[in-house]
N, C-alpha and C. Protein backbone atom coordinates (compact mmCIF):
# COMPACT_ATOMS: atom_id res chain seq x y z
N UNK A 1 1.00 -1.38 0.05
CA UNK A 1 -0.07 -0.19 0.02
C UNK A 1 0.96 1.30 -0.01
N UNK A 2 0.64 2.04 -0.75
CA UNK A 2 1.27 3.41 -1.04
C UNK A 2 1.20 4.22 0.52
N UNK A 3 1.92 4.96 0.65
CA UNK A 3 2.25 5.72 1.79
C UNK A 3 1.30 6.74 1.97
N UNK A 4 0.47 7.30 0.73
CA UNK A 4 -0.52 8.45 1.02
C UNK A 4 -1.89 7.39 1.45
N UNK A 5 -1.84 6.47 0.85
CA UNK A 5 -3.04 5.72 1.20
C UNK A 5 -3.38 5.29 2.52
N UNK A 6 -2.03 4.78 2.93
CA UNK A 6 -1.59 4.51 4.58
C UNK A 6 -2.06 5.42 5.31
N UNK A 7 -1.47 6.78 4.88
CA UNK A 7 -1.56 8.11 6.10
C UNK A 7 -3.36 8.49 5.64
N UNK A 8 -4.06 8.01 4.64
CA UNK A 8 -5.65 8.32 4.49
C UNK A 8 -6.24 7.60 5.48
N UNK A 9 -5.85 6.25 5.17
CA UNK A 9 -6.41 5.25 6.16
C UNK A 9 -6.46 5.32 7.55
N UNK A 10 -5.05 5.81 8.12
CA UNK A 10 -5.09 5.27 9.77
C UNK A 10 -5.42 6.65 10.14
N UNK A 11 -5.50 7.99 9.54
CA UNK A 11 -5.72 9.34 10.10
C UNK A 11 -7.44 9.30 9.87
N UNK A 12 -8.12 8.43 9.25
CA UNK A 12 -9.43 8.51 9.02
C UNK A 12 -9.83 7.28 10.09
N UNK A 13 -9.66 6.32 10.24
CA UNK A 13 -9.59 5.39 11.45
C UNK A 13 -9.79 6.32 12.76
N UNK A 14 -8.69 6.87 12.84
CA UNK A 14 -8.40 8.02 14.23
C UNK A 14 -9.33 8.99 14.26
N UNK A 15 -10.05 9.49 13.02
CA UNK A 15 -11.13 10.26 13.62
C UNK A 15 -12.12 9.71 13.68
N UNK A 16 -12.48 8.65 12.98
CA UNK A 16 -13.90 8.12 13.08
C UNK A 16 -13.60 7.57 14.84
N UNK A 17 -12.79 6.73 15.25
CA UNK A 17 -12.61 6.25 16.60
C UNK A 17 -12.85 7.55 17.67
N UNK A 18 -12.14 8.69 17.48
CA UNK A 18 -12.49 9.62 18.13
C UNK A 18 -13.58 10.00 18.34
N UNK A 19 -14.54 10.30 17.16
CA UNK A 19 -16.02 10.54 17.31
C UNK A 19 -16.64 9.74 17.92
N UNK A 20 -16.60 8.72 17.72
CA UNK A 20 -17.19 7.17 18.41
C UNK A 20 -16.88 7.57 19.98
N UNK A 21 -15.71 7.69 20.40
CA UNK A 21 -15.22 8.07 21.82
C UNK A 21 -15.61 9.02 22.49
N UNK A 22 -15.86 10.05 21.65
CA UNK A 22 -16.39 11.47 22.47
C UNK A 22 -17.99 11.30 22.27
N UNK A 23 -18.34 10.20 21.74
CA UNK A 23 -20.25 10.00 21.44
C UNK A 23 -20.46 9.29 22.90
N UNK A 24 -19.67 8.15 22.73
CA UNK A 24 -20.01 7.41 24.11
C UNK A 24 -19.31 7.55 25.42
N UNK A 25 -18.36 8.88 25.22
CA UNK A 25 -18.23 9.37 26.84
C UNK A 25 -18.98 10.64 27.18
N UNK A 26 -20.02 10.86 26.46
CA UNK A 26 -20.73 12.19 26.43
C UNK A 26 -22.28 12.01 26.64
N UNK A 27 -22.47 10.75 26.33
CA UNK A 27 -23.90 9.98 26.24
C UNK A 27 -24.49 10.32 27.64
N UNK A 28 -25.43 10.71 28.16
CA UNK A 28 -25.96 10.52 29.45
C UNK A 28 -26.25 9.46 30.21
N UNK A 29 -26.44 8.38 29.23
CA UNK A 29 -26.46 6.97 29.57
C UNK A 29 -26.06 6.24 28.55
N UNK A 30 -24.83 5.85 28.59
CA UNK A 30 -24.26 4.92 27.43
C UNK A 30 -25.18 3.30 27.27
N UNK A 31 -24.70 2.97 25.63
CA UNK A 31 -25.50 2.02 25.63
C UNK A 31 -25.81 0.72 26.51
N UNK A 32 -26.81 0.05 26.41
CA UNK A 32 -26.63 -1.16 27.76
C UNK A 32 -25.58 -1.80 27.48
N UNK A 33 -24.80 -2.13 26.10
CA UNK A 33 -23.69 -3.23 26.36
C UNK A 33 -22.63 -3.00 27.02
N UNK A 34 -22.70 -2.00 27.65
CA UNK A 34 -21.67 -1.55 28.63
C UNK A 34 -22.11 -2.00 30.11
N UNK A 35 -23.34 -2.38 30.33
CA UNK A 35 -23.71 -2.79 31.54
C UNK A 35 -22.99 -3.81 32.10
N UNK A 36 -22.71 -3.95 33.35
CA UNK A 36 -21.97 -4.54 34.01
C UNK A 36 -20.37 -4.76 33.95
N UNK A 37 -20.05 -3.55 33.27
CA UNK A 37 -18.63 -3.49 32.87
C UNK A 37 -17.97 -2.77 34.00
N UNK A 38 -16.71 -3.19 34.34
CA UNK A 38 -15.84 -2.18 35.19
C UNK A 38 -15.49 -0.97 34.31
N UNK A 39 -15.99 0.35 34.68
CA UNK A 39 -15.78 1.23 34.23
C UNK A 39 -14.25 1.58 34.07
N UNK A 40 -13.42 1.47 34.98
CA UNK A 40 -11.91 1.68 34.75
C UNK A 40 -11.26 0.68 33.68
N UNK A 41 -11.74 -0.29 33.59
CA UNK A 41 -11.27 -1.04 32.49
C UNK A 41 -11.74 -0.87 31.35
N UNK A 42 -12.69 -0.13 31.01
CA UNK A 42 -13.40 0.72 29.44
C UNK A 42 -12.58 1.90 29.54
N UNK A 43 -12.43 2.26 30.40
CA UNK A 43 -11.49 3.68 30.23
C UNK A 43 -9.95 2.98 29.82
N UNK A 44 -9.61 2.40 30.51
CA UNK A 44 -8.27 1.81 29.98
C UNK A 44 -8.39 1.29 28.68
N UNK A 45 -9.13 0.39 28.29
CA UNK A 45 -9.39 0.19 26.91
C UNK A 45 -9.44 0.95 25.96
N UNK A 46 -10.30 2.28 25.94
CA UNK A 46 -10.87 3.16 25.11
C UNK A 46 -9.48 3.83 25.04
N UNK A 47 -8.67 4.19 26.01
CA UNK A 47 -7.21 5.05 25.96
C UNK A 47 -6.10 4.33 24.96
N UNK A 48 -6.20 3.10 25.30
CA UNK A 48 -5.31 2.06 24.85
C UNK A 48 -5.41 1.74 23.46
N UNK A 49 -6.53 1.90 22.95
CA UNK A 49 -7.03 1.63 21.66
C UNK A 49 -6.59 3.33 20.95
N UNK A 50 -7.10 4.56 21.72
CA UNK A 50 -6.67 5.71 21.10
C UNK A 50 -4.75 6.26 21.22
N UNK A 51 -4.45 5.41 21.95
CA UNK A 51 -3.04 6.04 22.03
C UNK A 51 -2.38 4.98 20.58
N UNK A 52 -2.74 3.77 20.65
CA UNK A 52 -2.54 2.91 19.55
C UNK A 52 -2.45 3.69 18.36
N UNK A 53 -3.91 4.07 17.95
CA UNK A 53 -3.97 4.93 16.77
C UNK A 53 -3.41 5.61 16.63
N UNK A 54 -3.14 6.74 17.73
CA UNK A 54 -2.46 8.08 17.27
C UNK A 54 -1.05 7.90 17.29
N UNK A 55 -0.21 6.91 17.78
CA UNK A 55 0.91 6.57 17.50
C UNK A 55 1.43 5.86 16.25
N UNK A 56 0.40 5.06 15.82
CA UNK A 56 0.94 4.47 14.44
C UNK A 56 0.81 5.69 13.30
N UNK A 57 -0.34 6.41 13.41
CA UNK A 57 -0.64 7.74 12.63
C UNK A 57 0.70 8.70 12.45
N UNK A 58 1.11 9.25 13.66
CA UNK A 58 1.90 9.82 13.95
C UNK A 58 3.40 9.68 13.78
N UNK A 59 3.93 8.26 13.41
CA UNK A 59 5.07 6.92 13.25
C UNK A 59 4.60 7.37 11.61
N UNK A 60 3.72 7.10 10.83
CA UNK A 60 3.89 6.86 9.62
C UNK A 60 3.76 8.53 9.21
N UNK A 61 3.10 9.46 9.62
CA UNK A 61 3.28 10.79 8.95
C UNK A 61 4.97 11.02 9.31
N UNK A 62 5.00 10.99 10.59
CA UNK A 62 6.55 11.67 10.67
C UNK A 62 7.85 10.77 11.14
N UNK A 63 8.13 10.11 10.16
CA UNK A 63 9.08 8.62 10.38
C UNK A 63 10.42 8.82 11.17
N UNK A 64 10.44 10.25 10.83
CA UNK A 64 12.25 10.47 11.22
C UNK A 64 11.92 11.42 12.45
N UNK A 65 10.97 11.58 13.19
CA UNK A 65 10.59 12.12 14.80
C UNK A 65 10.93 11.03 15.84
N UNK A 66 12.03 11.73 16.28
CA UNK A 66 12.27 10.53 17.50
C UNK A 66 11.59 10.76 19.11
N UNK A 67 10.84 11.95 18.79
CA UNK A 67 10.10 12.65 20.32
C UNK A 67 8.21 12.13 20.01
N UNK A 68 8.05 11.37 19.12
CA UNK A 68 6.77 10.76 18.96
C UNK A 68 5.99 10.56 20.51
N UNK A 69 6.62 9.67 21.30
CA UNK A 69 6.50 9.16 22.16
C UNK A 69 5.72 10.39 23.30
N UNK A 70 6.62 11.38 23.38
CA UNK A 70 6.23 12.57 24.35
C UNK A 70 4.74 13.02 23.86
N UNK A 71 4.77 13.37 22.66
CA UNK A 71 3.92 14.20 22.04
C UNK A 71 2.54 13.43 22.15
N UNK A 72 2.25 12.17 21.40
CA UNK A 72 1.37 11.42 21.50
C UNK A 72 0.69 11.07 22.79
N UNK A 73 1.62 11.24 23.68
CA UNK A 73 1.52 10.88 24.89
C UNK A 73 0.59 12.34 25.98
N UNK A 74 1.54 13.30 25.38
CA UNK A 74 0.97 14.88 25.94
C UNK A 74 -0.57 15.16 25.31
N UNK A 75 -0.62 14.56 23.84
CA UNK A 75 -2.02 14.90 23.22
C UNK A 75 -3.10 13.99 23.90
N UNK A 76 -2.68 12.78 24.32
CA UNK A 76 -3.55 12.07 24.68
C UNK A 76 -4.07 12.49 26.47
N UNK A 77 -3.10 12.87 27.15
CA UNK A 77 -3.32 13.43 28.32
C UNK A 77 -4.20 14.77 28.13
N UNK A 78 -4.00 15.53 27.52
CA UNK A 78 -4.99 16.77 27.50
C UNK A 78 -6.11 16.27 26.84
N UNK A 79 -6.22 15.38 26.05
CA UNK A 79 -7.64 14.89 25.20
C UNK A 79 -8.27 14.41 26.70
N UNK A 80 -7.61 13.37 27.40
CA UNK A 80 -8.22 12.87 28.27
C UNK A 80 -9.14 13.72 29.33
N UNK A 81 -7.90 14.84 29.41
CA UNK A 81 -8.48 15.65 30.55
C UNK A 81 -9.81 16.57 30.04
N UNK A 82 -9.71 17.16 28.93
CA UNK A 82 -10.79 17.51 28.11
C UNK A 82 -12.15 16.61 28.33
N UNK A 83 -11.50 15.25 27.92
CA UNK A 83 -13.00 14.59 27.79
C UNK A 83 -13.85 14.16 29.11
N UNK A 84 -12.88 14.39 30.33
CA UNK A 84 -13.48 14.05 31.57
C UNK A 84 -14.09 15.10 32.43
N UNK A 85 -13.42 16.59 31.73
CA UNK A 85 -14.24 17.91 32.38
C UNK A 85 -15.27 18.24 31.62
N UNK A 86 -15.34 17.86 30.38
CA UNK A 86 -16.82 18.05 29.79
C UNK A 86 -17.91 17.60 29.89
N UNK A 87 -17.62 15.89 30.39
CA UNK A 87 -18.73 15.45 30.79
C UNK A 87 -19.84 16.22 31.26
N UNK A 88 -19.43 16.70 32.38
CA UNK A 88 -20.33 17.19 33.69
C UNK A 88 -21.45 18.12 32.78
N UNK A 89 -21.14 18.41 31.42
CA UNK A 89 -22.16 19.40 30.70
C UNK A 89 -23.21 18.32 30.11
N UNK A 90 -23.12 17.14 30.08
CA UNK A 90 -23.94 15.85 29.32
C UNK A 90 -24.55 15.09 30.37
N UNK A 91 -24.63 15.58 31.61
CA UNK A 91 -25.48 14.68 32.93
C UNK A 91 -24.40 13.81 33.16
N UNK A 92 -22.90 13.46 32.97
CA UNK A 92 -22.08 12.56 33.63
C UNK A 92 -21.25 13.15 34.53
N UNK A 93 -20.64 12.61 35.24
CA UNK A 93 -19.60 13.02 36.33
C UNK A 93 -18.39 12.89 35.91
N UNK A 94 -17.54 13.94 36.64
CA UNK A 94 -15.94 13.86 36.02
C UNK A 94 -15.50 12.98 37.48
N UNK A 95 -14.48 12.04 36.79
CA UNK A 95 -13.85 11.31 37.66
C UNK A 95 -12.44 11.07 37.98
N UNK A 96 -11.46 11.53 38.63
CA UNK A 96 -9.92 11.72 38.63
C UNK A 96 -9.37 9.99 38.44
N UNK A 97 -10.05 9.15 39.08
CA UNK A 97 -10.29 7.57 38.72
C UNK A 97 -10.08 7.37 37.30
N UNK A 98 -11.09 7.97 36.47
CA UNK A 98 -11.30 7.46 35.35
C UNK A 98 -10.10 8.06 34.52
N UNK A 99 -9.90 9.32 34.78
CA UNK A 99 -8.64 9.97 34.16
C UNK A 99 -7.32 9.44 34.28
N UNK A 100 -7.16 8.51 35.88
CA UNK A 100 -5.61 8.07 35.99
C UNK A 100 -5.76 6.74 34.93
N UNK A 101 -7.21 6.11 34.78
CA UNK A 101 -7.30 4.64 33.85
C UNK A 101 -6.80 5.03 32.32
N UNK A 102 -7.37 6.48 32.06
CA UNK A 102 -7.15 7.00 30.71
C UNK A 102 -5.46 7.02 30.42
N UNK A 103 -4.79 7.77 31.31
CA UNK A 103 -3.70 7.86 30.92
C UNK A 103 -2.97 6.34 30.96
N UNK A 104 -3.18 5.59 32.26
CA UNK A 104 -2.22 4.09 32.13
C UNK A 104 -2.79 3.82 30.72
N UNK A 105 -3.65 3.65 30.24
CA UNK A 105 -4.33 3.00 28.96
C UNK A 105 -3.01 3.98 28.11
N UNK A 106 -3.24 5.01 27.80
CA UNK A 106 -2.55 5.62 27.03
C UNK A 106 -0.79 5.47 27.08
N UNK A 107 -0.05 5.16 28.17
CA UNK A 107 1.34 4.49 28.44
C UNK A 107 1.13 3.20 28.13
N UNK A 108 0.20 2.51 28.33
CA UNK A 108 0.21 0.95 27.59
C UNK A 108 0.04 0.97 26.30
N UNK A 109 -0.86 1.94 25.71
CA UNK A 109 -0.99 1.75 24.06
C UNK A 109 0.37 2.09 23.33
N UNK A 110 0.96 3.10 24.00
CA UNK A 110 2.24 3.59 23.30
C UNK A 110 3.45 2.76 23.50
N UNK A 111 3.53 2.22 24.80
CA UNK A 111 4.83 1.76 25.06
C UNK A 111 5.33 0.58 23.61
N UNK A 112 4.56 -0.35 23.91
CA UNK A 112 4.95 -1.62 22.86
C UNK A 112 5.47 -1.32 21.37
N UNK A 113 4.64 -0.14 21.04
CA UNK A 113 4.70 0.16 19.70
C UNK A 113 5.92 1.04 19.51
N UNK A 114 6.26 1.98 20.57
CA UNK A 114 7.36 2.74 20.52
C UNK A 114 8.80 1.79 20.50
N UNK A 115 8.79 0.95 21.28
CA UNK A 115 9.64 -0.29 21.58
C UNK A 115 9.84 -0.83 19.95
N UNK A 116 8.88 -1.19 19.42
CA UNK A 116 8.78 -2.06 18.26
C UNK A 116 9.51 -0.82 17.32
N UNK A 117 9.06 0.19 17.36
CA UNK A 117 9.65 1.19 16.03
C UNK A 117 10.86 1.44 16.38
N UNK A 118 11.26 1.36 17.62
CA UNK A 118 12.80 1.60 18.13
C UNK A 118 13.75 0.69 17.26
N UNK A 119 13.26 -0.66 17.82
CA UNK A 119 14.08 -1.79 17.28
C UNK A 119 14.00 -2.06 15.81
N UNK A 120 13.05 -1.73 15.07
CA UNK A 120 12.92 -1.44 13.81
C UNK A 120 14.08 -0.52 13.15
N UNK A 121 13.94 0.61 13.74
CA UNK A 121 14.99 2.06 13.46
C UNK A 121 16.52 1.31 13.94
N UNK A 122 16.72 0.53 15.13
CA UNK A 122 17.79 0.55 15.21
C UNK A 122 18.13 -0.90 14.22
N UNK A 123 17.79 -1.73 13.52
CA UNK A 123 18.00 -2.76 13.18
C UNK A 123 18.43 -2.17 11.79
N UNK A 124 17.31 -1.12 11.16
CA UNK A 124 17.62 -0.43 9.40
C UNK A 124 19.06 0.14 9.80
N UNK A 125 19.65 0.97 10.71
CA UNK A 125 20.52 1.49 11.01
C UNK A 125 21.87 0.89 10.93
N UNK A 126 21.69 -0.68 11.21
CA UNK A 126 23.10 -1.36 11.50
C UNK A 126 23.93 -1.81 10.27
N UNK A 127 24.96 -1.56 10.37
CA UNK A 127 25.57 -2.02 8.77
C UNK A 127 25.50 -3.76 8.62
N UNK A 128 25.61 -3.65 7.44
CA UNK A 128 25.41 -5.23 6.82
C UNK A 128 26.20 -5.83 7.59
N UNK A 129 26.10 -7.38 7.64
CA UNK A 129 27.28 -8.01 8.10
C UNK A 129 28.38 -8.69 7.24
N UNK A 130 29.15 -8.44 7.33
CA UNK A 130 30.48 -8.96 6.36
C UNK A 130 30.50 -10.32 6.35
N UNK A 131 30.49 -11.01 5.20
CA UNK A 131 30.79 -12.36 5.39
C UNK A 131 32.44 -12.69 5.34
N UNK A 132 32.30 -14.11 5.80
CA UNK A 132 33.78 -14.30 5.76
C UNK A 132 34.12 -15.39 4.92
């Protein structure tokens, strides 16, 4: 798949996911499919997926940037804080423990991808082995 097509695909997936996430987190009462689920686990999972999509999109868009982990984490934290604080306007309550689960999900979503990206970059920079 060409780079442009990959960019369009991943950024579109991220945009759709952000819209879905904001819709679900701002509904006064989310759909019944979430009944019986631990709220913190849902926050963790939602932000794990968000971080993964954001990191992949950023890595494909800016392949030579080494500080993507910090940027994606910062954007995710700000997004999570805004998401939590604006829920009160829609009949939901803001919870610091939900925000903590969001941040843990962000870190957990970014870390394996960042390690994998680092390993790939390191391998590509290594000089070819000489044959004896």
